[in-house]
N, C-alpha and C. Protein backbone atom coordinates (compact mmCIF):
# COMPACT_ATOMS: atom_id res chain seq x y z
N MET A 1 7.75 6.31 -12.20
CA MET A 1 6.52 5.98 -11.51
C MET A 1 5.33 6.10 -12.46
N HIS A 2 5.43 7.04 -13.38
CA HIS A 2 4.31 7.22 -14.30
C HIS A 2 4.11 5.99 -15.19
N SER A 3 5.18 5.36 -15.61
CA SER A 3 5.01 4.17 -16.46
C SER A 3 4.28 3.06 -15.69
N VAL A 4 4.48 2.98 -14.39
CA VAL A 4 3.77 1.99 -13.57
C VAL A 4 2.31 2.39 -13.42
N SER A 5 2.07 3.64 -13.04
CA SER A 5 0.71 4.10 -12.75
C SER A 5 -0.15 4.35 -13.98
N SER A 6 0.45 4.31 -15.15
CA SER A 6 -0.33 4.47 -16.39
C SER A 6 -0.55 3.13 -17.11
N ASP A 7 -0.08 2.04 -16.50
CA ASP A 7 -0.25 0.71 -17.08
C ASP A 7 -1.63 0.17 -16.69
N PRO A 8 -2.51 -0.09 -17.67
CA PRO A 8 -3.87 -0.57 -17.35
C PRO A 8 -3.88 -1.86 -16.52
N LYS A 9 -2.95 -2.75 -16.73
CA LYS A 9 -2.92 -4.00 -15.96
C LYS A 9 -2.55 -3.73 -14.49
N VAL A 10 -1.57 -2.87 -14.26
CA VAL A 10 -1.18 -2.50 -12.90
C VAL A 10 -2.34 -1.82 -12.18
N MET A 11 -3.08 -1.00 -12.92
CA MET A 11 -4.15 -0.20 -12.33
C MET A 11 -5.52 -0.89 -12.44
N GLU A 12 -5.53 -2.19 -12.66
CA GLU A 12 -6.77 -2.94 -12.83
C GLU A 12 -7.74 -2.75 -11.66
N TYR A 13 -7.23 -2.58 -10.45
CA TYR A 13 -8.09 -2.45 -9.28
C TYR A 13 -8.22 -1.01 -8.80
N PHE A 14 -8.04 -0.09 -9.71
CA PHE A 14 -8.26 1.34 -9.49
C PHE A 14 -9.28 1.80 -10.53
N PRO A 15 -9.95 2.91 -10.28
CA PRO A 15 -10.96 3.37 -11.25
C PRO A 15 -10.40 3.64 -12.64
N ARG A 16 -9.12 4.05 -12.70
CA ARG A 16 -8.50 4.34 -14.00
C ARG A 16 -7.00 4.48 -13.82
N THR A 17 -6.30 4.56 -14.94
CA THR A 17 -4.86 4.83 -14.88
C THR A 17 -4.64 6.29 -14.50
N LYS A 18 -3.41 6.61 -14.13
CA LYS A 18 -3.06 7.97 -13.71
C LYS A 18 -2.39 8.74 -14.84
N THR A 19 -2.69 10.03 -14.91
CA THR A 19 -2.01 10.91 -15.87
C THR A 19 -0.64 11.27 -15.32
N LEU A 20 0.18 11.87 -16.15
CA LEU A 20 1.49 12.32 -15.70
C LEU A 20 1.35 13.35 -14.58
N VAL A 21 0.43 14.28 -14.71
CA VAL A 21 0.21 15.30 -13.68
C VAL A 21 -0.23 14.65 -12.37
N GLU A 22 -1.13 13.67 -12.44
CA GLU A 22 -1.58 12.97 -11.23
C GLU A 22 -0.42 12.21 -10.58
N THR A 23 0.43 11.61 -11.38
CA THR A 23 1.59 10.90 -10.85
C THR A 23 2.54 11.88 -10.18
N GLU A 24 2.79 13.01 -10.82
CA GLU A 24 3.65 14.03 -10.20
C GLU A 24 3.07 14.52 -8.89
N ASP A 25 1.76 14.76 -8.86
CA ASP A 25 1.10 15.20 -7.62
C ASP A 25 1.25 14.15 -6.51
N PHE A 26 1.13 12.89 -6.88
CA PHE A 26 1.29 11.80 -5.93
C PHE A 26 2.71 11.81 -5.35
N VAL A 27 3.71 11.96 -6.19
CA VAL A 27 5.11 11.99 -5.73
C VAL A 27 5.32 13.17 -4.78
N TYR A 28 4.81 14.35 -5.12
CA TYR A 28 4.94 15.51 -4.24
C TYR A 28 4.24 15.28 -2.91
N LYS A 29 3.07 14.64 -2.96
CA LYS A 29 2.33 14.32 -1.72
C LYS A 29 3.15 13.38 -0.84
N MET A 30 3.79 12.39 -1.44
CA MET A 30 4.62 11.46 -0.67
C MET A 30 5.84 12.18 -0.09
N GLN A 31 6.45 13.07 -0.86
CA GLN A 31 7.58 13.83 -0.35
C GLN A 31 7.17 14.68 0.85
N LYS A 32 6.00 15.28 0.78
CA LYS A 32 5.48 16.10 1.89
C LYS A 32 5.19 15.23 3.11
N GLN A 33 4.59 14.06 2.91
CA GLN A 33 4.34 13.16 4.03
C GLN A 33 5.65 12.75 4.69
N TYR A 34 6.66 12.47 3.89
CA TYR A 34 7.95 12.09 4.46
C TYR A 34 8.54 13.24 5.28
N GLN A 35 8.48 14.45 4.74
CA GLN A 35 8.97 15.63 5.47
C GLN A 35 8.23 15.79 6.79
N ASP A 36 6.92 15.62 6.77
CA ASP A 36 6.09 15.87 7.95
C ASP A 36 6.12 14.73 8.97
N TYR A 37 6.22 13.48 8.50
CA TYR A 37 6.03 12.34 9.40
C TYR A 37 7.17 11.33 9.43
N GLY A 38 8.09 11.40 8.45
CA GLY A 38 9.18 10.44 8.41
C GLY A 38 8.84 9.14 7.72
N TYR A 39 7.71 9.11 7.03
CA TYR A 39 7.32 7.92 6.28
C TYR A 39 6.41 8.32 5.13
N CYS A 40 6.30 7.40 4.17
CA CYS A 40 5.45 7.58 2.99
C CYS A 40 5.51 6.29 2.19
N TYR A 41 4.89 6.28 1.03
CA TYR A 41 5.11 5.19 0.09
C TYR A 41 6.46 5.49 -0.57
N PHE A 42 7.44 4.62 -0.35
CA PHE A 42 8.80 4.83 -0.84
C PHE A 42 8.98 4.27 -2.24
N ALA A 43 9.75 4.96 -3.07
CA ALA A 43 10.14 4.43 -4.37
C ALA A 43 10.96 3.16 -4.14
N VAL A 44 10.75 2.16 -4.99
CA VAL A 44 11.46 0.89 -4.87
C VAL A 44 12.31 0.68 -6.10
N ASP A 45 13.59 0.44 -5.87
CA ASP A 45 14.53 0.09 -6.93
C ASP A 45 14.96 -1.36 -6.74
N ARG A 46 15.15 -2.06 -7.83
CA ARG A 46 15.74 -3.39 -7.76
C ARG A 46 17.19 -3.22 -7.37
N LEU A 47 17.67 -4.04 -6.45
CA LEU A 47 19.05 -3.92 -5.99
C LEU A 47 20.06 -4.41 -7.03
N ASP A 48 19.62 -5.33 -7.89
CA ASP A 48 20.57 -5.91 -8.86
C ASP A 48 20.82 -5.02 -10.07
N ASN A 49 19.91 -4.06 -10.34
CA ASN A 49 20.12 -3.22 -11.53
C ASN A 49 19.74 -1.75 -11.33
N ASP A 50 19.34 -1.38 -10.12
CA ASP A 50 18.98 0.01 -9.78
C ASP A 50 17.83 0.57 -10.61
N VAL A 51 16.97 -0.27 -11.15
CA VAL A 51 15.81 0.19 -11.91
C VAL A 51 14.64 0.39 -10.95
N MET A 52 13.99 1.53 -11.06
CA MET A 52 12.83 1.83 -10.23
C MET A 52 11.66 1.00 -10.73
N ILE A 53 11.01 0.24 -9.79
CA ILE A 53 9.96 -0.69 -10.19
C ILE A 53 8.60 -0.36 -9.57
N GLY A 54 8.51 0.70 -8.77
CA GLY A 54 7.24 1.06 -8.17
C GLY A 54 7.41 1.65 -6.79
N PHE A 55 6.41 1.42 -5.92
CA PHE A 55 6.51 1.90 -4.54
C PHE A 55 5.98 0.86 -3.57
N ILE A 56 6.49 0.96 -2.35
CA ILE A 56 6.01 0.18 -1.20
C ILE A 56 6.23 1.08 0.01
N GLY A 57 5.29 1.07 0.93
CA GLY A 57 5.50 1.85 2.14
C GLY A 57 4.25 2.03 2.95
N VAL A 58 4.35 2.92 3.92
CA VAL A 58 3.22 3.28 4.76
C VAL A 58 2.91 4.75 4.55
N ALA A 59 1.62 5.07 4.57
CA ALA A 59 1.21 6.46 4.33
C ALA A 59 -0.05 6.77 5.13
N ARG A 60 -0.20 8.03 5.46
CA ARG A 60 -1.40 8.49 6.16
C ARG A 60 -2.59 8.49 5.20
N GLN A 61 -3.72 8.05 5.72
CA GLN A 61 -4.97 8.08 4.96
C GLN A 61 -5.99 8.86 5.78
N THR A 62 -6.65 9.80 5.13
CA THR A 62 -7.58 10.66 5.87
C THR A 62 -8.96 10.74 5.23
N TYR A 63 -9.24 9.90 4.23
CA TYR A 63 -10.57 9.91 3.64
C TYR A 63 -11.59 9.51 4.72
N GLU A 64 -12.84 9.77 4.45
CA GLU A 64 -13.89 9.52 5.44
C GLU A 64 -14.18 8.03 5.58
N ALA A 65 -13.92 7.50 6.77
CA ALA A 65 -14.23 6.11 7.12
C ALA A 65 -14.19 5.99 8.63
N ASP A 66 -14.76 4.93 9.16
CA ASP A 66 -14.78 4.78 10.62
C ASP A 66 -13.42 4.37 11.19
N PHE A 67 -12.43 4.12 10.34
CA PHE A 67 -11.09 3.74 10.80
C PHE A 67 -10.02 4.78 10.44
N THR A 68 -10.43 5.92 9.88
CA THR A 68 -9.48 6.98 9.53
C THR A 68 -9.64 8.15 10.50
N PRO A 69 -8.58 8.93 10.64
CA PRO A 69 -7.26 8.82 10.00
C PRO A 69 -6.52 7.57 10.47
N CYS A 70 -5.67 7.08 9.59
CA CYS A 70 -4.91 5.86 9.90
C CYS A 70 -3.60 5.87 9.11
N VAL A 71 -2.77 4.88 9.39
CA VAL A 71 -1.58 4.62 8.59
C VAL A 71 -1.83 3.32 7.85
N ASP A 72 -1.65 3.37 6.54
CA ASP A 72 -1.94 2.27 5.63
C ASP A 72 -0.64 1.79 5.01
N ILE A 73 -0.49 0.49 4.87
CA ILE A 73 0.64 -0.06 4.12
C ILE A 73 0.14 -0.42 2.73
N GLY A 74 0.92 -0.06 1.72
CA GLY A 74 0.50 -0.31 0.35
C GLY A 74 1.69 -0.50 -0.58
N TRP A 75 1.38 -0.91 -1.79
CA TRP A 75 2.40 -1.20 -2.79
C TRP A 75 1.79 -1.07 -4.17
N ARG A 76 2.64 -0.75 -5.12
CA ARG A 76 2.29 -0.75 -6.54
C ARG A 76 3.59 -1.01 -7.30
N LEU A 77 3.63 -2.11 -8.00
CA LEU A 77 4.84 -2.50 -8.71
C LEU A 77 4.56 -2.71 -10.19
N ALA A 78 5.59 -2.50 -10.99
CA ALA A 78 5.49 -2.73 -12.43
C ALA A 78 5.09 -4.18 -12.69
N GLN A 79 4.27 -4.37 -13.70
CA GLN A 79 3.74 -5.69 -14.01
C GLN A 79 4.83 -6.73 -14.22
N ASP A 80 5.94 -6.37 -14.86
CA ASP A 80 6.99 -7.36 -15.12
C ASP A 80 7.76 -7.74 -13.86
N GLN A 81 7.43 -7.13 -12.72
CA GLN A 81 8.08 -7.45 -11.45
C GLN A 81 7.19 -8.32 -10.55
N TRP A 82 5.98 -8.58 -10.98
CA TRP A 82 5.04 -9.37 -10.17
C TRP A 82 5.52 -10.82 -10.05
N GLY A 83 5.11 -11.45 -8.97
CA GLY A 83 5.37 -12.87 -8.78
C GLY A 83 6.79 -13.20 -8.36
N GLN A 84 7.57 -12.20 -7.98
CA GLN A 84 8.95 -12.42 -7.57
C GLN A 84 9.16 -12.18 -6.07
N GLY A 85 8.08 -11.89 -5.37
CA GLY A 85 8.18 -11.70 -3.92
C GLY A 85 8.56 -10.29 -3.48
N PHE A 86 8.67 -9.36 -4.42
CA PHE A 86 9.11 -8.01 -4.05
C PHE A 86 8.09 -7.29 -3.17
N ALA A 87 6.80 -7.42 -3.45
CA ALA A 87 5.79 -6.74 -2.63
C ALA A 87 5.83 -7.27 -1.19
N THR A 88 5.91 -8.57 -1.05
CA THR A 88 5.96 -9.17 0.29
C THR A 88 7.23 -8.78 1.02
N GLU A 89 8.36 -8.90 0.36
CA GLU A 89 9.65 -8.55 0.97
C GLU A 89 9.68 -7.07 1.38
N GLY A 90 9.24 -6.21 0.48
CA GLY A 90 9.25 -4.78 0.78
C GLY A 90 8.26 -4.41 1.86
N ALA A 91 7.08 -5.03 1.85
CA ALA A 91 6.08 -4.75 2.88
C ALA A 91 6.57 -5.19 4.25
N ARG A 92 7.23 -6.32 4.31
CA ARG A 92 7.80 -6.77 5.60
C ARG A 92 8.84 -5.76 6.11
N ALA A 93 9.67 -5.27 5.21
CA ALA A 93 10.67 -4.28 5.62
C ALA A 93 10.00 -2.99 6.10
N CYS A 94 8.92 -2.60 5.45
CA CYS A 94 8.20 -1.39 5.85
C CYS A 94 7.50 -1.57 7.19
N LEU A 95 6.96 -2.75 7.45
CA LEU A 95 6.38 -3.02 8.77
C LEU A 95 7.45 -2.93 9.85
N ARG A 96 8.60 -3.53 9.59
CA ARG A 96 9.72 -3.46 10.54
C ARG A 96 10.08 -2.00 10.82
N TYR A 97 10.20 -1.20 9.79
CA TYR A 97 10.52 0.22 9.93
C TYR A 97 9.43 0.94 10.74
N ALA A 98 8.18 0.69 10.41
CA ALA A 98 7.06 1.37 11.09
C ALA A 98 6.99 0.99 12.57
N PHE A 99 7.14 -0.28 12.88
CA PHE A 99 7.00 -0.72 14.27
C PHE A 99 8.26 -0.49 15.10
N LEU A 100 9.42 -0.74 14.54
CA LEU A 100 10.65 -0.65 15.32
C LEU A 100 11.28 0.74 15.29
N ASP A 101 11.34 1.37 14.13
CA ASP A 101 11.99 2.68 14.03
C ASP A 101 11.04 3.83 14.32
N LEU A 102 9.81 3.75 13.83
CA LEU A 102 8.85 4.84 14.02
C LEU A 102 7.96 4.62 15.24
N ASN A 103 8.06 3.44 15.85
CA ASN A 103 7.30 3.12 17.05
C ASN A 103 5.79 3.24 16.87
N MET A 104 5.30 2.87 15.69
CA MET A 104 3.86 2.85 15.45
C MET A 104 3.25 1.66 16.17
N ASP A 105 1.98 1.77 16.49
CA ASP A 105 1.29 0.70 17.20
C ASP A 105 0.40 -0.15 16.31
N HIS A 106 -0.01 0.40 15.16
CA HIS A 106 -1.09 -0.24 14.41
C HIS A 106 -1.00 0.19 12.95
N ILE A 107 -1.13 -0.75 12.02
CA ILE A 107 -1.09 -0.46 10.58
C ILE A 107 -2.26 -1.18 9.92
N LEU A 108 -2.90 -0.50 8.98
CA LEU A 108 -4.01 -1.06 8.22
C LEU A 108 -3.60 -1.25 6.76
N SER A 109 -4.39 -2.01 6.03
CA SER A 109 -4.24 -2.13 4.59
C SER A 109 -5.62 -2.37 4.00
N ILE A 110 -5.85 -1.77 2.86
CA ILE A 110 -7.16 -1.81 2.21
C ILE A 110 -6.98 -2.21 0.76
N CYS A 111 -7.87 -3.06 0.27
CA CYS A 111 -7.89 -3.37 -1.16
C CYS A 111 -9.31 -3.71 -1.57
N PRO A 112 -9.65 -3.49 -2.85
CA PRO A 112 -10.95 -3.95 -3.34
C PRO A 112 -11.08 -5.46 -3.11
N ALA A 113 -12.28 -5.89 -2.78
CA ALA A 113 -12.52 -7.31 -2.47
C ALA A 113 -12.08 -8.23 -3.61
N ILE A 114 -12.12 -7.74 -4.84
CA ILE A 114 -11.74 -8.58 -5.98
C ILE A 114 -10.22 -8.65 -6.20
N ASN A 115 -9.45 -7.87 -5.45
CA ASN A 115 -7.99 -7.85 -5.63
C ASN A 115 -7.35 -8.91 -4.74
N THR A 116 -7.43 -10.15 -5.17
CA THR A 116 -6.93 -11.26 -4.37
C THR A 116 -5.40 -11.27 -4.27
N LYS A 117 -4.70 -10.68 -5.25
CA LYS A 117 -3.24 -10.64 -5.19
C LYS A 117 -2.76 -9.77 -4.03
N SER A 118 -3.34 -8.58 -3.90
CA SER A 118 -2.95 -7.72 -2.77
C SER A 118 -3.39 -8.33 -1.45
N GLU A 119 -4.56 -8.93 -1.43
CA GLU A 119 -5.02 -9.57 -0.20
C GLU A 119 -4.06 -10.67 0.22
N ARG A 120 -3.53 -11.41 -0.72
CA ARG A 120 -2.57 -12.48 -0.40
C ARG A 120 -1.30 -11.90 0.21
N VAL A 121 -0.82 -10.76 -0.29
CA VAL A 121 0.36 -10.12 0.30
C VAL A 121 0.04 -9.71 1.75
N MET A 122 -1.13 -9.15 1.98
CA MET A 122 -1.53 -8.77 3.34
C MET A 122 -1.46 -9.98 4.27
N GLN A 123 -1.96 -11.11 3.81
CA GLN A 123 -1.93 -12.33 4.62
C GLN A 123 -0.51 -12.81 4.84
N LYS A 124 0.33 -12.76 3.81
CA LYS A 124 1.71 -13.23 3.94
C LYS A 124 2.51 -12.40 4.94
N ILE A 125 2.19 -11.12 5.09
CA ILE A 125 2.93 -10.28 6.03
C ILE A 125 2.31 -10.29 7.43
N GLY A 126 1.34 -11.18 7.63
CA GLY A 126 0.80 -11.38 8.97
C GLY A 126 -0.41 -10.55 9.34
N MET A 127 -0.99 -9.88 8.37
CA MET A 127 -2.16 -9.06 8.66
C MET A 127 -3.40 -9.94 8.77
N GLN A 128 -4.37 -9.46 9.55
CA GLN A 128 -5.61 -10.18 9.76
C GLN A 128 -6.78 -9.37 9.21
N LYS A 129 -7.73 -10.06 8.58
CA LYS A 129 -8.91 -9.38 8.05
C LYS A 129 -9.78 -8.87 9.19
N VAL A 130 -10.20 -7.61 9.08
CA VAL A 130 -11.07 -6.98 10.06
C VAL A 130 -12.51 -6.99 9.57
N LYS A 131 -12.69 -6.55 8.31
CA LYS A 131 -14.06 -6.44 7.79
C LYS A 131 -14.04 -6.11 6.31
N GLU A 132 -15.23 -6.11 5.73
CA GLU A 132 -15.45 -5.58 4.40
C GLU A 132 -16.29 -4.32 4.54
N PHE A 133 -16.11 -3.39 3.63
CA PHE A 133 -16.83 -2.12 3.70
C PHE A 133 -16.92 -1.52 2.31
N ASP A 134 -17.81 -0.58 2.14
CA ASP A 134 -17.92 0.17 0.89
C ASP A 134 -17.05 1.42 1.01
N HIS A 135 -16.04 1.50 0.15
CA HIS A 135 -15.05 2.58 0.19
C HIS A 135 -15.65 3.85 -0.41
N ILE A 136 -15.62 4.92 0.36
CA ILE A 136 -16.21 6.19 -0.09
C ILE A 136 -15.56 6.72 -1.37
N LEU A 137 -14.26 6.50 -1.53
CA LEU A 137 -13.57 7.01 -2.72
C LEU A 137 -13.85 6.16 -3.96
N LEU A 138 -14.48 5.01 -3.76
CA LEU A 138 -14.80 4.12 -4.88
C LEU A 138 -16.30 3.94 -5.04
N LYS A 139 -17.08 4.82 -4.45
CA LYS A 139 -18.54 4.67 -4.43
C LYS A 139 -19.15 4.68 -5.83
N ASP A 140 -18.48 5.31 -6.80
CA ASP A 140 -19.01 5.37 -8.17
C ASP A 140 -18.47 4.27 -9.08
N THR A 141 -17.70 3.35 -8.52
CA THR A 141 -17.11 2.27 -9.30
C THR A 141 -17.58 0.95 -8.70
N GLU A 142 -18.69 0.45 -9.21
CA GLU A 142 -19.36 -0.69 -8.59
C GLU A 142 -18.45 -1.89 -8.39
N ARG A 143 -17.63 -2.23 -9.36
CA ARG A 143 -16.80 -3.45 -9.24
C ARG A 143 -15.69 -3.31 -8.20
N LEU A 144 -15.35 -2.07 -7.79
CA LEU A 144 -14.28 -1.84 -6.82
C LEU A 144 -14.78 -1.37 -5.46
N ARG A 145 -16.04 -0.94 -5.40
CA ARG A 145 -16.58 -0.29 -4.19
C ARG A 145 -16.38 -1.13 -2.93
N ARG A 146 -16.69 -2.42 -3.02
CA ARG A 146 -16.57 -3.29 -1.84
C ARG A 146 -15.09 -3.59 -1.59
N CYS A 147 -14.62 -3.25 -0.40
CA CYS A 147 -13.20 -3.40 -0.08
C CYS A 147 -13.01 -4.24 1.17
N LYS A 148 -11.80 -4.72 1.35
CA LYS A 148 -11.41 -5.49 2.53
C LYS A 148 -10.42 -4.66 3.33
N LEU A 149 -10.59 -4.68 4.64
CA LEU A 149 -9.71 -3.98 5.57
C LEU A 149 -8.96 -5.02 6.37
N TYR A 150 -7.64 -4.91 6.36
CA TYR A 150 -6.76 -5.79 7.14
C TYR A 150 -5.99 -4.93 8.13
N GLU A 151 -5.50 -5.57 9.20
CA GLU A 151 -4.72 -4.84 10.20
C GLU A 151 -3.64 -5.73 10.79
N ILE A 152 -2.66 -5.07 11.38
CA ILE A 152 -1.64 -5.73 12.20
C ILE A 152 -1.22 -4.71 13.24
N ASN A 153 -0.98 -5.18 14.45
CA ASN A 153 -0.48 -4.27 15.48
C ASN A 153 0.93 -4.69 15.88
N LYS A 154 1.57 -3.85 16.64
CA LYS A 154 2.97 -4.07 17.01
C LYS A 154 3.16 -5.40 17.74
N SER A 155 2.28 -5.74 18.66
CA SER A 155 2.47 -6.99 19.40
C SER A 155 2.31 -8.21 18.49
N GLN A 156 1.37 -8.17 17.53
CA GLN A 156 1.25 -9.27 16.57
C GLN A 156 2.52 -9.38 15.74
N TYR A 157 3.04 -8.23 15.31
CA TYR A 157 4.27 -8.23 14.51
C TYR A 157 5.42 -8.84 15.30
N HIS A 158 5.60 -8.40 16.55
CA HIS A 158 6.70 -8.94 17.37
C HIS A 158 6.55 -10.43 17.59
N HIS A 159 5.33 -10.88 17.84
CA HIS A 159 5.07 -12.30 18.07
C HIS A 159 5.44 -13.13 16.84
N GLN A 160 5.15 -12.64 15.64
CA GLN A 160 5.42 -13.36 14.40
C GLN A 160 6.89 -13.32 14.01
N ASN A 161 7.62 -12.31 14.51
CA ASN A 161 8.98 -12.08 14.04
C ASN A 161 10.04 -12.25 15.12
N ILE A 162 9.72 -13.05 16.13
CA ILE A 162 10.70 -13.32 17.21
C ILE A 162 11.76 -14.26 16.70
């Protein structure tokens, strides 16, 4: 995971790359969320070669915003895995898990307004844009501060996947 999170191209829409300690803390946080709630951002391995290529999943978000606390769907994949449909495929599987197995009603996704690649994945998995907002955690990073909020609820998911 550290090789993914320390790649400047992968982290282009974050304030900076992650250190090894920050990556380890992130993994422990995800393990704790899974223990507590039964979900998190899951490690993703390619099925054809068992190589870990990043994460995809749903996770609790509690930073200060008018829509938190919430459950957010997100992804981060190694650069050499981009453009192969893995983010979309994995996000669809995570939505299915969240709505059908965990019985969640509503999932959000957030990305900086300039991150058109992530926004496209949100659209491909059936999410709808709610609004743009200034993200409190990105307030000191002008190029990333403005973010887009997308959502999907269980009934929209069922309607699209009948």
